[in-house]
């Protein structure tokens, strides 16, 4: 499916919570390197300072990112992801001495409905390294966070 088709009809609702996923271009595992992952995570944290969005839970996997985000009253999901992906791409490329795309242009999002559990979504997100066989315990993986620690 072309990227433009993914964007058709996409809009975000202020104040709503979304599960988002975005993938590294070519699925290259650039975040296997601890310090490269930390460069990206600093940019994720900066999006909270620069916007009204709040990351409730997230995990940075070797070649993709999953997050649960609560949008503020004036925050657009596409703008938030564009800000994160753009800033992290610049910082990671500078860190690695490279240029070019870091992330695929699209992203997946799912708006949580009232009956869906935020905590269940957060647990699913942070358990990704466990399900992928990267660690034996969730706490052993260094690149995740949740407000429900």
C-alpha atoms as a PDB file:
ATOM      1  CA  UNK A   1       0.000   0.000   0.000  1.00  0.00           C
ATOM      2  CA  UNK A   2       1.497   3.375  -0.961  1.00  0.00           C
ATOM      3  CA  UNK A   3       2.244   5.853   1.817  1.00  0.00           C
ATOM      4  CA  UNK A   4      -0.319   8.310   0.413  1.00  0.00           C
ATOM      5  CA  UNK A   5      -3.049   5.677   0.858  1.00  0.00           C
ATOM      6  CA  UNK A   6      -2.130   5.283   4.528  1.00  0.00           C
ATOM      7  CA  UNK A   7      -2.693   9.002   5.062  1.00  0.00           C
ATOM      8  CA  UNK A   8      -6.120   9.173   3.413  1.00  0.00           C
ATOM      9  CA  UNK A   9      -8.722  10.071   5.983  1.00  0.00           C
ATOM     10  CA  UNK A  10      -6.184  10.201   8.822  1.00  0.00           C
ATOM     11  CA  UNK A  11      -6.888  12.755  11.473  1.00  0.00           C
ATOM     12  CA  UNK A  12      -6.154  12.852  15.144  1.00  0.00           C
ATOM     13  CA  UNK A  13      -8.315  13.937  18.018  1.00  0.00           C
ATOM     14  CA  UNK A  14      -6.800  16.184  20.667  1.00  0.00           C
ATOM     15  CA  UNK A  15      -6.827  14.607  24.105  1.00  0.00           C
ATOM     16  CA  UNK A  16      -7.025  11.074  22.720  1.00  0.00           C
ATOM     17  CA  UNK A  17      -4.518   8.279  23.297  1.00  0.00           C
ATOM     18  CA  UNK A  18      -2.890   6.451  20.409  1.00  0.00           C
ATOM     19  CA  UNK A  19      -0.700   3.408  19.984  1.00  0.00           C
ATOM     20  CA  UNK A  20       1.845   4.209  17.271  1.00  0.00           C
ATOM     21  CA  UNK A  21       4.472   2.202  15.432  1.00  0.00           C
ATOM     22  CA  UNK A  22       7.131   3.450  13.058  1.00  0.00           C
ATOM     23  CA  UNK A  23       9.844   1.430  11.339  1.00  0.00           C
ATOM     24  CA  UNK A  24      13.456   2.165  10.412  1.00  0.00           C
ATOM     25  CA  UNK A  25      13.961   2.551   6.677  1.00  0.00           C
ATOM     26  CA  UNK A  26      14.891  -0.827   5.230  1.00  0.00           C
ATOM     27  CA  UNK A  27      14.344  -2.374   8.682  1.00  0.00           C
ATOM     28  CA  UNK A  28      18.044  -1.852   9.414  1.00  0.00           C
ATOM     29  CA  UNK A  29      18.689  -2.575  13.131  1.00  0.00           C
ATOM     30  CA  UNK A  30      20.476   0.733  13.847  1.00  0.00           C
ATOM     31  CA  UNK A  31      19.322   0.723  17.480  1.00  0.00           C
ATOM     32  CA  UNK A  32      21.239  -2.436  18.364  1.00  0.00           C
ATOM     33  CA  UNK A  33      23.957   0.038  19.298  1.00  0.00           C
ATOM     34  CA  UNK A  34      23.223   1.309  22.826  1.00  0.00           C
ATOM     35  CA  UNK A  35      24.431   4.877  22.254  1.00  0.00           C
ATOM     36  CA  UNK A  36      22.604   5.280  18.958  1.00  0.00           C
ATOM     37  CA  UNK A  37      19.396   4.228  20.717  1.00  0.00           C
ATOM     38  CA  UNK A  38      20.029   6.770  23.490  1.00  0.00           C
ATOM     39  CA  UNK A  39      20.457   9.557  20.921  1.00  0.00           C
ATOM     40  CA  UNK A  40      17.032   8.683  19.514  1.00  0.00           C
ATOM     41  CA  UNK A  41      15.439   8.432  22.967  1.00  0.00           C
ATOM     42  CA  UNK A  42      16.649  11.933  23.873  1.00  0.00           C
ATOM     43  CA  UNK A  43      14.724  13.246  20.868  1.00  0.00           C
ATOM     44  CA  UNK A  44      11.629  11.326  21.960  1.00  0.00           C
ATOM     45  CA  UNK A  45      11.830  13.026  25.357  1.00  0.00           C
ATOM     46  CA  UNK A  46      12.233  16.396  23.654  1.00  0.00           C
ATOM     47  CA  UNK A  47       8.875  15.980  21.902  1.00  0.00           C
ATOM     48  CA  UNK A  48       7.187  16.093  25.315  1.00  0.00           C
ATOM     49  CA  UNK A  49       8.949  19.342  26.160  1.00  0.00           C
ATOM     50  CA  UNK A  50       8.103  20.898  22.784  1.00  0.00           C
ATOM     51  CA  UNK A  51       4.463  19.768  22.547  1.00  0.00           C
ATOM     52  CA  UNK A  52       1.487  18.962  24.751  1.00  0.00           C
ATOM     53  CA  UNK A  53       1.905  15.243  24.068  1.00  0.00           C
ATOM     54  CA  UNK A  54       2.826  12.798  26.818  1.00  0.00           C
ATOM     55  CA  UNK A  55       4.447   9.432  26.112  1.00  0.00           C
ATOM     56  CA  UNK A  56       2.713   6.998  28.485  1.00  0.00           C
ATOM     57  CA  UNK A  57       4.742   3.968  27.387  1.00  0.00           C
ATOM     58  CA  UNK A  58       7.269   3.279  24.644  1.00  0.00           C
ATOM     59  CA  UNK A  59       9.924   0.843  23.494  1.00  0.00           C
ATOM     60  CA  UNK A  60      12.694   1.418  20.959  1.00  0.00           C
ATOM     61  CA  UNK A  61      13.400  -1.909  19.283  1.00  0.00           C
ATOM     62  CA  UNK A  62      16.486  -2.518  17.094  1.00  0.00           C
ATOM     63  CA  UNK A  63      14.617  -1.535  13.921  1.00  0.00           C
ATOM     64  CA  UNK A  64      11.325   0.061  15.010  1.00  0.00           C
ATOM     65  CA  UNK A  65       9.527   2.063  17.676  1.00  0.00           C
ATOM     66  CA  UNK A  66       6.244   1.454  19.527  1.00  0.00           C
ATOM     67  CA  UNK A  67       4.611   4.052  21.736  1.00  0.00           C
ATOM     68  CA  UNK A  68       1.448   4.917  23.625  1.00  0.00           C
ATOM     69  CA  UNK A  69       0.952   8.658  23.515  1.00  0.00           C
ATOM     70  CA  UNK A  70      -1.638  10.984  24.988  1.00  0.00           C
ATOM     71  CA  UNK A  71      -2.205  14.015  22.801  1.00  0.00           C
ATOM     72  CA  UNK A  72      -2.662  17.448  24.298  1.00  0.00           C
ATOM     73  CA  UNK A  73      -5.445  19.846  23.382  1.00  0.00           C
ATOM     74  CA  UNK A  74      -3.464  21.330  20.486  1.00  0.00           C
ATOM     75  CA  UNK A  75      -1.350  18.359  19.394  1.00  0.00           C
ATOM     76  CA  UNK A  76      -1.745  16.641  16.029  1.00  0.00           C
ATOM     77  CA  UNK A  77      -0.518  13.045  15.856  1.00  0.00           C
ATOM     78  CA  UNK A  78       1.032  13.377  12.392  1.00  0.00           C
ATOM     79  CA  UNK A  79       2.864  16.553  13.424  1.00  0.00           C
ATOM     80  CA  UNK A  80       4.116  14.870  16.597  1.00  0.00           C
ATOM     81  CA  UNK A  81       5.473  11.850  14.719  1.00  0.00           C
ATOM     82  CA  UNK A  82       6.990  14.057  12.024  1.00  0.00           C
ATOM     83  CA  UNK A  83       8.722  16.115  14.735  1.00  0.00           C
ATOM     84  CA  UNK A  84      10.067  13.004  16.496  1.00  0.00           C
ATOM     85  CA  UNK A  85      11.150  11.233  13.325  1.00  0.00           C
ATOM     86  CA  UNK A  86      12.769  14.332  11.831  1.00  0.00           C
ATOM     87  CA  UNK A  87      14.677  15.327  14.964  1.00  0.00           C
ATOM     88  CA  UNK A  88      15.785  11.772  15.713  1.00  0.00           C
ATOM     89  CA  UNK A  89      16.909  11.214  12.113  1.00  0.00           C
ATOM     90  CA  UNK A  90      19.063  14.350  12.189  1.00  0.00           C
ATOM     91  CA  UNK A  91      20.588  13.420  15.560  1.00  0.00           C
ATOM     92  CA  UNK A  92      21.185   9.741  14.714  1.00  0.00           C
ATOM     93  CA  UNK A  93      22.657  10.588  11.319  1.00  0.00           C
ATOM     94  CA  UNK A  94      24.987  13.118  12.964  1.00  0.00           C
ATOM     95  CA  UNK A  95      25.950  10.538  15.611  1.00  0.00           C
ATOM     96  CA  UNK A  96      26.667   7.864  12.984  1.00  0.00           C
ATOM     97  CA  UNK A  97      28.286  10.226  10.471  1.00  0.00           C
ATOM     98  CA  UNK A  98      25.767   9.354   7.794  1.00  0.00           C
ATOM     99  CA  UNK A  99      22.964  11.019   5.869  1.00  0.00           C
ATOM    100  CA  UNK A 100      19.690   9.942   4.342  1.00  0.00           C
ATOM    101  CA  UNK A 101      16.428   8.559   5.616  1.00  0.00           C
ATOM    102  CA  UNK A 102      16.338   6.925   9.030  1.00  0.00           C
ATOM    103  CA  UNK A 103      12.618   6.125   9.237  1.00  0.00           C
ATOM    104  CA  UNK A 104      10.124   4.847   6.697  1.00  0.00           C
ATOM    105  CA  UNK A 105       7.811   7.732   5.743  1.00  0.00           C
ATOM    106  CA  UNK A 106       4.642   6.156   7.123  1.00  0.00           C
ATOM    107  CA  UNK A 107       3.550   5.089  10.575  1.00  0.00           C
ATOM    108  CA  UNK A 108       0.777   2.955  12.013  1.00  0.00           C
ATOM    109  CA  UNK A 109      -1.618   4.344  14.595  1.00  0.00           C
ATOM    110  CA  UNK A 110      -4.551   3.012  16.563  1.00  0.00           C
ATOM    111  CA  UNK A 111      -6.758   5.273  18.656  1.00  0.00           C
ATOM    112  CA  UNK A 112      -7.672   3.699  21.970  1.00  0.00           C
ATOM    113  CA  UNK A 113     -11.381   3.434  22.595  1.00  0.00           C
ATOM    114  CA  UNK A 114     -12.778   4.074  26.052  1.00  0.00           C
ATOM    115  CA  UNK A 115     -13.225   0.398  26.773  1.00  0.00           C
ATOM    116  CA  UNK A 116      -9.636  -0.434  25.866  1.00  0.00           C
ATOM    117  CA  UNK A 117      -7.176  -0.578  28.740  1.00  0.00           C
ATOM    118  CA  UNK A 118      -4.299   1.871  28.588  1.00  0.00           C
ATOM    119  CA  UNK A 119      -2.333  -0.295  30.984  1.00  0.00           C
ATOM    120  CA  UNK A 120      -2.918  -3.390  28.813  1.00  0.00           C
ATOM    121  CA  UNK A 121      -1.654  -1.466  25.746  1.00  0.00           C
ATOM    122  CA  UNK A 122       1.380  -0.253  27.714  1.00  0.00           C
ATOM    123  CA  UNK A 123       2.218  -3.780  28.890  1.00  0.00           C
ATOM    124  CA  UNK A 124       1.956  -5.070  25.338  1.00  0.00           C
ATOM    125  CA  UNK A 125       4.298  -2.320  24.117  1.00  0.00           C
ATOM    126  CA  UNK A 126       7.014  -2.772  26.734  1.00  0.00           C
ATOM    127  CA  UNK A 127       6.899  -6.581  26.418  1.00  0.00           C
ATOM    128  CA  UNK A 128       7.983  -6.413  22.755  1.00  0.00           C
ATOM    129  CA  UNK A 129      11.666  -7.215  23.515  1.00  0.00           C
ATOM    130  CA  UNK A 130      10.557 -10.264  25.505  1.00  0.00           C
ATOM    131  CA  UNK A 131       8.331 -11.557  22.701  1.00  0.00           C
ATOM    132  CA  UNK A 132      11.122 -10.900  20.179  1.00  0.00           C
ATOM    133  CA  UNK A 133      13.497 -13.041  22.230  1.00  0.00           C
ATOM    134  CA  UNK A 134      15.912 -10.175  22.909  1.00  0.00           C
ATOM    135  CA  UNK A 135      15.763 -10.601  26.697  1.00  0.00           C
ATOM    136  CA  UNK A 136      14.513 -13.040  29.327  1.00  0.00           C
ATOM    137  CA  UNK A 137      12.843 -10.314  31.421  1.00  0.00           C
ATOM    138  CA  UNK A 138      11.339  -6.998  30.334  1.00  0.00           C
ATOM    139  CA  UNK A 139      13.490  -5.136  32.859  1.00  0.00           C
ATOM    140  CA  UNK A 140      16.648  -6.416  31.162  1.00  0.00           C
ATOM    141  CA  UNK A 141      15.947  -4.398  28.007  1.00  0.00           C
ATOM    142  CA  UNK A 142      17.386  -0.869  28.307  1.00  0.00           C
ATOM    143  CA  UNK A 143      15.283   1.105  25.804  1.00  0.00           C
ATOM    144  CA  UNK A 144      11.759   1.414  27.189  1.00  0.00           C
ATOM    145  CA  UNK A 145       9.734   3.406  29.662  1.00  0.00           C
ATOM    146  CA  UNK A 146       6.230   3.569  31.077  1.00  0.00           C
ATOM    147  CA  UNK A 147       4.422   5.861  33.493  1.00  0.00           C
ATOM    148  CA  UNK A 148       3.208   2.664  35.197  1.00  0.00           C
ATOM    149  CA  UNK A 149       6.565   1.472  36.554  1.00  0.00           C
END
